[in-house]
PDB file of N, CA and C in Angstrom:
ATOM      1  N   MET A   1     -59.139  48.563 -32.027  1.00  0.00           N
ATOM      2  CA  MET A   1     -57.772  48.121 -31.785  1.00  0.00           C
ATOM      3  C   MET A   1     -57.390  48.539 -30.366  1.00  0.00           C
ATOM      4  N   THR A   2     -56.935  47.561 -29.600  1.00  0.00           N
ATOM      5  CA  THR A   2     -56.558  47.822 -28.215  1.00  0.00           C
ATOM      6  C   THR A   2     -55.083  48.182 -28.124  1.00  0.00           C
ATOM      7  N   TRP A   3     -54.689  48.626 -26.941  1.00  0.00           N
ATOM      8  CA  TRP A   3     -53.293  48.982 -26.710  1.00  0.00           C
ATOM      9  C   TRP A   3     -52.394  47.759 -26.925  1.00  0.00           C
ATOM     10  N   ASP A   4     -52.855  46.578 -26.490  1.00  0.00           N
ATOM     11  CA  ASP A   4     -52.076  45.354 -26.678  1.00  0.00           C
ATOM     12  C   ASP A   4     -51.863  45.051 -28.162  1.00  0.00           C
ATOM     13  N   ASP A   5     -52.874  45.310 -28.990  1.00  0.00           N
ATOM     14  CA  ASP A   5     -52.735  45.102 -30.431  1.00  0.00           C
ATOM     15  C   ASP A   5     -51.687  46.032 -31.017  1.00  0.00           C
ATOM     16  N   ILE A   6     -51.700  47.271 -30.580  1.00  0.00           N
ATOM     17  CA  ILE A   6     -50.732  48.255 -31.079  1.00  0.00           C
ATOM     18  C   ILE A   6     -49.320  47.855 -30.686  1.00  0.00           C
ATOM     19  N   VAL A   7     -49.147  47.460 -29.434  1.00  0.00           N
ATOM     20  CA  VAL A   7     -47.825  47.045 -28.959  1.00  0.00           C
ATOM     21  C   VAL A   7     -47.351  45.824 -29.728  1.00  0.00           C
ATOM     22  N   ARG A   8     -48.236  44.851 -29.947  1.00  0.00           N
ATOM     23  CA  ARG A   8     -47.874  43.646 -30.687  1.00  0.00           C
ATOM     24  C   ARG A   8     -47.437  43.998 -32.107  1.00  0.00           C
ATOM     25  N   LYS A   9     -48.129  44.935 -32.737  1.00  0.00           N
ATOM     26  CA  LYS A   9     -47.760  45.348 -34.103  1.00  0.00           C
ATOM     27  C   LYS A   9     -46.396  46.039 -34.110  1.00  0.00           C
ATOM     28  N   LEU A  10     -46.161  46.942 -33.151  1.00  0.00           N
ATOM     29  CA  LEU A  10     -44.905  47.687 -33.124  1.00  0.00           C
ATOM     30  C   LEU A  10     -43.700  46.802 -32.858  1.00  0.00           C
ATOM     31  N   THR A  11     -43.907  45.666 -32.225  1.00  0.00           N
ATOM     32  CA  THR A  11     -42.792  44.766 -31.947  1.00  0.00           C
ATOM     33  C   THR A  11     -42.678  43.643 -32.974  1.00  0.00           C
ATOM     34  N   SER A  12     -43.498  43.686 -34.006  1.00  0.00           N
ATOM     35  CA  SER A  12     -43.496  42.639 -35.027  1.00  0.00           C
ATOM     36  C   SER A  12     -42.564  42.978 -36.185  1.00  0.00           C
ATOM     37  N   ARG A  13     -41.652  42.073 -36.492  1.00  0.00           N
ATOM     38  CA  ARG A  13     -40.768  42.274 -37.649  1.00  0.00           C
ATOM     39  C   ARG A  13     -41.554  42.235 -38.949  1.00  0.00           C
ATOM     40  N   LYS A  14     -42.605  41.411 -38.981  1.00  0.00           N
ATOM     41  CA  LYS A  14     -43.435  41.325 -40.189  1.00  0.00           C
ATOM     42  C   LYS A  14     -44.118  42.659 -40.466  1.00  0.00           C
ATOM     43  N   PHE A  15     -44.576  43.332 -39.421  1.00  0.00           N
ATOM     44  CA  PHE A  15     -45.210  44.640 -39.585  1.00  0.00           C
ATOM     45  C   PHE A  15     -44.237  45.635 -40.202  1.00  0.00           C
ATOM     46  N   TRP A  16     -43.009  45.696 -39.665  1.00  0.00           N
ATOM     47  CA  TRP A  16     -42.036  46.660 -40.175  1.00  0.00           C
ATOM     48  C   TRP A  16     -41.593  46.300 -41.591  1.00  0.00           C
ATOM     49  N   ALA A  17     -41.523  45.031 -41.907  1.00  0.00           N
ATOM     50  CA  ALA A  17     -41.197  44.623 -43.279  1.00  0.00           C
ATOM     51  C   ALA A  17     -42.311  45.057 -44.233  1.00  0.00           C
ATOM     52  N   ALA A  18     -43.562  44.927 -43.787  1.00  0.00           N
ATOM     53  CA  ALA A  18     -44.688  45.349 -44.625  1.00  0.00           C
ATOM     54  C   ALA A  18     -44.690  46.857 -44.830  1.00  0.00           C
ATOM     55  N   VAL A  19     -44.383  47.612 -43.774  1.00  0.00           N
ATOM     56  CA  VAL A  19     -44.314  49.082 -43.895  1.00  0.00           C
ATOM     57  C   VAL A  19     -43.206  49.469 -44.872  1.00  0.00           C
ATOM     58  N   ALA A  20     -42.034  48.848 -44.720  1.00  0.00           N
ATOM     59  CA  ALA A  20     -40.915  49.160 -45.614  1.00  0.00           C
ATOM     60  C   ALA A  20     -41.250  48.807 -47.055  1.00  0.00           C
ATOM     61  N   GLU A  21     -41.896  47.665 -47.258  1.00  0.00           N
ATOM     62  CA  GLU A  21     -42.275  47.261 -48.618  1.00  0.00           C
ATOM     63  C   GLU A  21     -43.276  48.238 -49.219  1.00  0.00           C
ATOM     64  N   PHE A  22     -44.276  48.641 -48.446  1.00  0.00           N
ATOM     65  CA  PHE A  22     -45.275  49.577 -48.948  1.00  0.00           C
ATOM     66  C   PHE A  22     -44.634  50.904 -49.342  1.00  0.00           C
ATOM     67  N   VAL A  23     -43.797  51.432 -48.473  1.00  0.00           N
ATOM     68  CA  VAL A  23     -43.171  52.727 -48.757  1.00  0.00           C
ATOM     69  C   VAL A  23     -42.243  52.622 -49.963  1.00  0.00           C
ATOM     70  N   SER A  24     -41.463  51.547 -50.030  1.00  0.00           N
ATOM     71  CA  SER A  24     -40.540  51.422 -51.168  1.00  0.00           C
ATOM     72  C   SER A  24     -41.291  51.250 -52.478  1.00  0.00           C
ATOM     73  N   MET A  25     -42.358  50.480 -52.489  1.00  0.00           N
ATOM     74  CA  MET A  25     -43.147  50.313 -53.717  1.00  0.00           C
ATOM     75  C   MET A  25     -43.849  51.624 -54.097  1.00  0.00           C
ATOM     76  N   LEU A  26     -44.281  52.366 -53.115  1.00  0.00           N
ATOM     77  CA  LEU A  26     -44.896  53.673 -53.377  1.00  0.00           C
ATOM     78  C   LEU A  26     -43.873  54.621 -53.999  1.00  0.00           C
ATOM     79  N   MET A  27     -42.661  54.592 -53.468  1.00  0.00           N
ATOM     80  CA  MET A  27     -41.613  55.462 -54.020  1.00  0.00           C
ATOM     81  C   MET A  27     -41.263  55.064 -55.456  1.00  0.00           C
ATOM     82  N   VAL A  28     -41.207  53.770 -55.729  1.00  0.00           N
ATOM     83  CA  VAL A  28     -40.930  53.303 -57.090  1.00  0.00           C
ATOM     84  C   VAL A  28     -42.049  53.748 -58.024  1.00  0.00           C
ATOM     85  N   ALA A  29     -43.290  53.618 -57.579  1.00  0.00           N
ATOM     86  CA  ALA A  29     -44.433  54.007 -58.402  1.00  0.00           C
ATOM     87  C   ALA A  29     -44.445  55.505 -58.687  1.00  0.00           C
ATOM     88  N   LEU A  30     -43.936  56.281 -57.757  1.00  0.00           N
ATOM     89  CA  LEU A  30     -43.900  57.733 -57.943  1.00  0.00           C
ATOM     90  C   LEU A  30     -42.649  58.209 -58.670  1.00  0.00           C
ATOM     91  N   GLY A  31     -41.794  57.265 -59.094  1.00  0.00           N
ATOM     92  CA  GLY A  31     -40.638  57.621 -59.912  1.00  0.00           C
ATOM     93  C   GLY A  31     -39.381  57.961 -59.144  1.00  0.00           C
ATOM     94  N   SER A  32     -39.259  57.547 -57.916  1.00  0.00           N
ATOM     95  CA  SER A  32     -38.062  57.810 -57.128  1.00  0.00           C
ATOM     96  C   SER A  32     -36.902  56.973 -57.659  1.00  0.00           C
ATOM     97  N   GLN A  33     -35.698  57.450 -57.450  1.00  0.00           N
ATOM     98  CA  GLN A  33     -34.517  56.706 -57.876  1.00  0.00           C
ATOM     99  C   GLN A  33     -34.273  55.532 -56.925  1.00  0.00           C
ATOM    100  N   GLU A  34     -33.625  54.511 -57.451  1.00  0.00           N
ATOM    101  CA  GLU A  34     -33.391  53.288 -56.677  1.00  0.00           C
ATOM    102  C   GLU A  34     -32.579  53.544 -55.415  1.00  0.00           C
ATOM    103  N   SER A  35     -31.578  54.412 -55.499  1.00  0.00           N
ATOM    104  CA  SER A  35     -30.730  54.680 -54.330  1.00  0.00           C
ATOM    105  C   SER A  35     -31.529  55.349 -53.216  1.00  0.00           C
ATOM    106  N   GLU A  36     -32.421  56.264 -53.570  1.00  0.00           N
ATOM    107  CA  GLU A  36     -33.264  56.916 -52.560  1.00  0.00           C
ATOM    108  C   GLU A  36     -34.217  55.912 -51.920  1.00  0.00           C
ATOM    109  N   THR A  37     -34.804  55.061 -52.735  1.00  0.00           N
ATOM    110  CA  THR A  37     -35.725  54.040 -52.232  1.00  0.00           C
ATOM    111  C   THR A  37     -35.011  53.097 -51.270  1.00  0.00           C
ATOM    112  N   THR A  38     -33.803  52.693 -51.617  1.00  0.00           N
ATOM    113  CA  THR A  38     -33.024  51.798 -50.758  1.00  0.00           C
ATOM    114  C   THR A  38     -32.701  52.458 -49.426  1.00  0.00           C
ATOM    115  N   LYS A  39     -32.310  53.718 -49.456  1.00  0.00           N
ATOM    116  CA  LYS A  39     -31.976  54.432 -48.220  1.00  0.00           C
ATOM    117  C   LYS A  39     -33.198  54.570 -47.312  1.00  0.00           C
ATOM    118  N   ILE A  40     -34.340  54.936 -47.887  1.00  0.00           N
ATOM    119  CA  ILE A  40     -35.567  55.100 -47.095  1.00  0.00           C
ATOM    120  C   ILE A  40     -35.997  53.764 -46.497  1.00  0.00           C
ATOM    121  N   THR A  41     -35.921  52.697 -47.286  1.00  0.00           N
ATOM    122  CA  THR A  41     -36.281  51.363 -46.790  1.00  0.00           C
ATOM    123  C   THR A  41     -35.369  50.958 -45.642  1.00  0.00           C
ATOM    124  N   ALA A  42     -34.081  51.215 -45.774  1.00  0.00           N
ATOM    125  CA  ALA A  42     -33.131  50.888 -44.706  1.00  0.00           C
ATOM    126  C   ALA A  42     -33.447  51.682 -43.439  1.00  0.00           C
ATOM    127  N   LEU A  43     -33.790  52.949 -43.584  1.00  0.00           N
ATOM    128  CA  LEU A  43     -34.146  53.770 -42.419  1.00  0.00           C
ATOM    129  C   LEU A  43     -35.400  53.249 -41.722  1.00  0.00           C
ATOM    130  N   ILE A  44     -36.385  52.840 -42.503  1.00  0.00           N
ATOM    131  CA  ILE A  44     -37.621  52.304 -41.912  1.00  0.00           C
ATOM    132  C   ILE A  44     -37.317  51.035 -41.130  1.00  0.00           C
ATOM    133  N   MET A  45     -36.533  50.139 -41.702  1.00  0.00           N
ATOM    134  CA  MET A  45     -36.216  48.889 -41.022  1.00  0.00           C
ATOM    135  C   MET A  45     -35.374  49.146 -39.766  1.00  0.00           C
ATOM    136  N   ALA A  46     -34.440  50.061 -39.829  1.00  0.00           N
ATOM    137  CA  ALA A  46     -33.631  50.387 -38.653  1.00  0.00           C
ATOM    138  C   ALA A  46     -34.500  51.016 -37.567  1.00  0.00           C
ATOM    139  N   GLY A  47     -35.351  51.938 -37.958  1.00  0.00           N
ATOM    140  CA  GLY A  47     -36.256  52.566 -36.992  1.00  0.00           C
ATOM    141  C   GLY A  47     -37.233  51.571 -36.399  1.00  0.00           C
ATOM    142  N   GLY A  48     -37.735  50.671 -37.229  1.00  0.00           N
ATOM    143  CA  GLY A  48     -38.650  49.638 -36.750  1.00  0.00           C
ATOM    144  C   GLY A  48     -37.982  48.725 -35.743  1.00  0.00           C
ATOM    145  N   GLY A  49     -36.750  48.350 -36.025  1.00  0.00           N
ATOM    146  CA  GLY A  49     -36.008  47.510 -35.088  1.00  0.00           C
ATOM    147  C   GLY A  49     -35.773  48.212 -33.762  1.00  0.00           C
ATOM    148  N   LEU A  50     -35.452  49.487 -33.824  1.00  0.00           N
ATOM    149  CA  LEU A  50     -35.229  50.274 -32.612  1.00  0.00           C
ATOM    150  C   LEU A  50     -36.517  50.399 -31.797  1.00  0.00           C
ATOM    151  N   ILE A  51     -37.614  50.692 -32.464  1.00  0.00           N
ATOM    152  CA  ILE A  51     -38.902  50.818 -31.775  1.00  0.00           C
ATOM    153  C   ILE A  51     -39.302  49.484 -31.144  1.00  0.00           C
ATOM    154  N   ALA A  52     -39.127  48.395 -31.878  1.00  0.00           N
ATOM    155  CA  ALA A  52     -39.457  47.069 -31.346  1.00  0.00           C
ATOM    156  C   ALA A  52     -38.625  46.761 -30.111  1.00  0.00           C
ATOM    157  N   TYR A  53     -37.350  47.109 -30.143  1.00  0.00           N
ATOM    158  CA  TYR A  53     -36.478  46.861 -28.990  1.00  0.00           C
ATOM    159  C   TYR A  53     -36.921  47.687 -27.783  1.00  0.00           C
ATOM    160  N   ILE A  54     -37.191  48.954 -28.004  1.00  0.00           N
ATOM    161  CA  ILE A  54     -37.592  49.840 -26.905  1.00  0.00           C
ATOM    162  C   ILE A  54     -38.906  49.381 -26.284  1.00  0.00           C
ATOM    163  N   VAL A  55     -39.891  49.075 -27.110  1.00  0.00           N
ATOM    164  CA  VAL A  55     -41.187  48.626 -26.600  1.00  0.00           C
ATOM    165  C   VAL A  55     -41.035  47.290 -25.885  1.00  0.00           C
ATOM    166  N   GLY A  56     -40.283  46.374 -26.467  1.00  0.00           N
ATOM    167  CA  GLY A  56     -40.064  45.063 -25.843  1.00  0.00           C
ATOM    168  C   GLY A  56     -39.388  45.177 -24.490  1.00  0.00           C
ATOM    169  N   GLU A  57     -38.362  46.003 -24.400  1.00  0.00           N
ATOM    170  CA  GLU A  57     -37.677  46.198 -23.118  1.00  0.00           C
ATOM    171  C   GLU A  57     -38.592  46.881 -22.102  1.00  0.00           C
ATOM    172  N   GLY A  58     -39.411  47.798 -22.563  1.00  0.00           N
ATOM    173  CA  GLY A  58     -40.371  48.448 -21.667  1.00  0.00           C
ATOM    174  C   GLY A  58     -41.362  47.445 -21.096  1.00  0.00           C
ATOM    175  N   LEU A  59     -41.841  46.537 -21.933  1.00  0.00           N
ATOM    176  CA  LEU A  59     -42.758  45.505 -21.460  1.00  0.00           C
ATOM    177  C   LEU A  59     -42.070  44.572 -20.465  1.00  0.00           C
ATOM    178  N   ALA A  60     -40.831  44.210 -20.747  1.00  0.00           N
ATOM    179  CA  ALA A  60     -40.088  43.343 -19.827  1.00  0.00           C
ATOM    180  C   ALA A  60     -39.860  44.049 -18.487  1.00  0.00           C
ATOM    181  N   ASP A  61     -39.501  45.328 -18.526  1.00  0.00           N
ATOM    182  CA  ASP A  61     -39.302  46.087 -17.294  1.00  0.00           C
ATOM    183  C   ASP A  61     -40.599  46.199 -16.499  1.00  0.00           C
ATOM    184  N   ALA A  62     -41.702  46.419 -17.197  1.00  0.00           N
ATOM    185  CA  ALA A  62     -42.995  46.526 -16.522  1.00  0.00           C
ATOM    186  C   ALA A  62     -43.376  45.203 -15.862  1.00  0.00           C
ATOM    187  N   ALA A  63     -43.097  44.099 -16.533  1.00  0.00           N
ATOM    188  CA  ALA A  63     -43.400  42.786 -15.955  1.00  0.00           C
ATOM    189  C   ALA A  63     -42.545  42.526 -14.720  1.00  0.00           C
ATOM    190  N   ARG A  64     -41.264  42.916 -14.779  1.00  0.00           N
ATOM    191  CA  ARG A  64     -40.393  42.739 -13.608  1.00  0.00           C
ATOM    192  C   ARG A  64     -40.858  43.615 -12.446  1.00  0.00           C
ATOM    193  N   ALA A  65     -41.256  44.837 -12.739  1.00  0.00           N
ATOM    194  CA  ALA A  65     -41.718  45.741 -11.687  1.00  0.00           C
ATOM    195  C   ALA A  65     -43.008  45.231 -11.058  1.00  0.00           C
ATOM    196  N   LYS A  66     -43.871  44.649 -11.863  1.00  0.00           N
ATOM    197  CA  LYS A  66     -45.123  44.111 -11.342  1.00  0.00           C
ATOM    198  C   LYS A  66     -44.861  42.891 -10.468  1.00  0.00           C
ATOM    199  N   ALA A  67     -43.881  42.066 -10.876  1.00  0.00           N
ATOM    200  CA  ALA A  67     -43.560  40.858 -10.124  1.00  0.00           C
ATOM    201  C   ALA A  67     -42.804  41.168  -8.841  1.00  0.00           C
ATOM    202  N   ALA A  68     -42.065  42.262  -8.817  1.00  0.00           N
ATOM    203  CA  ALA A  68     -41.247  42.606  -7.651  1.00  0.00           C
ATOM    204  C   ALA A  68     -41.448  44.068  -7.281  1.00  0.00           C
ATOM    205  N   PRO A  69     -42.613  44.425  -6.715  1.00  0.00           N
ATOM    206  CA  PRO A  69     -42.830  45.829  -6.351  1.00  0.00           C
ATOM    207  C   PRO A  69     -41.877  46.261  -5.242  1.00  0.00           C
ATOM    208  N   PHE A  70     -41.479  47.496  -5.288  1.00  0.00           N
ATOM    209  CA  PHE A  70     -40.608  48.108  -4.280  1.00  0.00           C
ATOM    210  C   PHE A  70     -39.246  47.438  -4.189  1.00  0.00           C
ATOM    211  N   GLY A  71     -38.819  46.796  -5.264  1.00  0.00           N
ATOM    212  CA  GLY A  71     -37.496  46.204  -5.310  1.00  0.00           C
ATOM    213  C   GLY A  71     -37.356  44.900  -4.547  1.00  0.00           C
ATOM    214  N   ILE A  72     -38.467  44.334  -4.071  1.00  0.00           N
ATOM    215  CA  ILE A  72     -38.410  43.059  -3.356  1.00  0.00           C
ATOM    216  C   ILE A  72     -38.335  41.953  -4.397  1.00  0.00           C
ATOM    217  N   PRO A  73     -37.376  41.058  -4.289  1.00  0.00           N
ATOM    218  CA  PRO A  73     -37.255  39.988  -5.288  1.00  0.00           C
ATOM    219  C   PRO A  73     -38.525  39.156  -5.382  1.00  0.00           C
ATOM    220  N   PHE A  74     -38.787  38.654  -6.557  1.00  0.00           N
ATOM    221  CA  PHE A  74     -39.984  37.848  -6.789  1.00  0.00           C
ATOM    222  C   PHE A  74     -39.951  36.572  -5.967  1.00  0.00           C
ATOM    223  N   SER A  75     -38.814  35.922  -5.926  1.00  0.00           N
ATOM    224  CA  SER A  75     -38.701  34.715  -5.105  1.00  0.00           C
ATOM    225  C   SER A  75     -37.453  34.832  -4.258  1.00  0.00           C
ATOM    226  N   VAL A  76     -37.591  34.443  -3.031  1.00  0.00           N
ATOM    227  CA  VAL A  76     -36.469  34.501  -2.110  1.00  0.00           C
ATOM    228  C   VAL A  76     -36.004  33.069  -1.875  1.00  0.00           C
ATOM    229  N   GLU A  77     -34.717  32.860  -2.065  1.00  0.00           N
ATOM    230  CA  GLU A  77     -34.188  31.516  -1.870  1.00  0.00           C
ATOM    231  C   GLU A  77     -34.278  31.162  -0.402  1.00  0.00           C
ATOM    232  N   GLU A  78     -34.839  30.007  -0.145  1.00  0.00           N
ATOM    233  CA  GLU A  78     -34.983  29.561   1.239  1.00  0.00           C
ATOM    234  C   GLU A  78     -33.617  29.184   1.793  1.00  0.00           C
ATOM    235  N   GLU A  79     -33.494  29.325   3.118  1.00  0.00           N
ATOM    236  CA  GLU A  79     -32.255  28.953   3.760  1.00  0.00           C
ATOM    237  C   GLU A  79     -32.132  27.440   3.756  1.00  0.00           C
ATOM    238  N   LYS A  80     -30.984  26.955   3.356  1.00  0.00           N
ATOM    239  CA  LYS A  80     -30.774  25.515   3.286  1.00  0.00           C
ATOM    240  C   LYS A  80     -30.354  24.996   4.662  1.00  0.00           C
ATOM    241  N   PRO A  81     -30.806  23.783   5.010  1.00  0.00           N
ATOM    242  CA  PRO A  81     -30.379  23.218   6.297  1.00  0.00           C
ATOM    243  C   PRO A  81     -28.892  22.894   6.251  1.00  0.00           C
ATOM    244  N   PRO A  82     -28.242  22.872   7.401  1.00  0.00           N
ATOM    245  CA  PRO A  82     -26.812  22.563   7.408  1.00  0.00           C
ATOM    246  C   PRO A  82     -26.548  21.153   6.890  1.00  0.00           C
ATOM    247  N   GLU A  83     -25.432  20.988   6.238  1.00  0.00           N
ATOM    248  CA  GLU A  83     -25.049  19.693   5.685  1.00  0.00           C
ATOM    249  C   GLU A  83     -24.701  18.734   6.824  1.00  0.00           C
ATOM    250  N   VAL A  84     -25.167  17.518   6.685  1.00  0.00           N
ATOM    251  CA  VAL A  84     -24.860  16.475   7.661  1.00  0.00           C
ATOM    252  C   VAL A  84     -23.923  15.484   6.981  1.00  0.00           C
ATOM    253  N   ASP A  85     -22.789  15.213   7.621  1.00  0.00           N
ATOM    254  CA  ASP A  85     -21.873  14.275   6.965  1.00  0.00           C
ATOM    255  C   ASP A  85     -22.351  12.836   7.158  1.00  0.00           C
ATOM    256  N   ALA A  86     -21.785  11.921   6.440  1.00  0.00           N
ATOM    257  CA  ALA A  86     -22.236  10.531   6.410  1.00  0.00           C
ATOM    258  C   ALA A  86     -22.091   9.842   7.775  1.00  0.00           C
ATOM    259  N   LYS A  87     -21.192  10.338   8.644  1.00  0.00           N
ATOM    260  CA  LYS A  87     -20.965   9.696   9.945  1.00  0.00           C
ATOM    261  C   LYS A  87     -22.038  10.101  10.955  1.00  0.00           C
ATOM    262  N   GLY A  88     -22.793  11.148  10.658  1.00  0.00           N
ATOM    263  CA  GLY A  88     -23.886  11.522  11.524  1.00  0.00           C
ATOM    264  C   GLY A  88     -23.511  12.540  12.475  1.00  0.00           C
TER     265      GLY A  88
END
């Protein structure tokens, strides 16, 4: 598993849903109460969403930094020629 695979998994909603489902089913199988299972599942989904956001923003920031090193914009708008009126 490469670093890209790990990042892709951490930013996947399906991955976090699968983790939450596994943990909640494990808790049910071990005899946990429904309210505890619901709270833990909610925490996993909230944490997963936060991690996905942080990793996603980090990747976006890294891409911007790579495209514009040293704060130089990626593309510089060219100077437009002066407008010429219809009379010439």
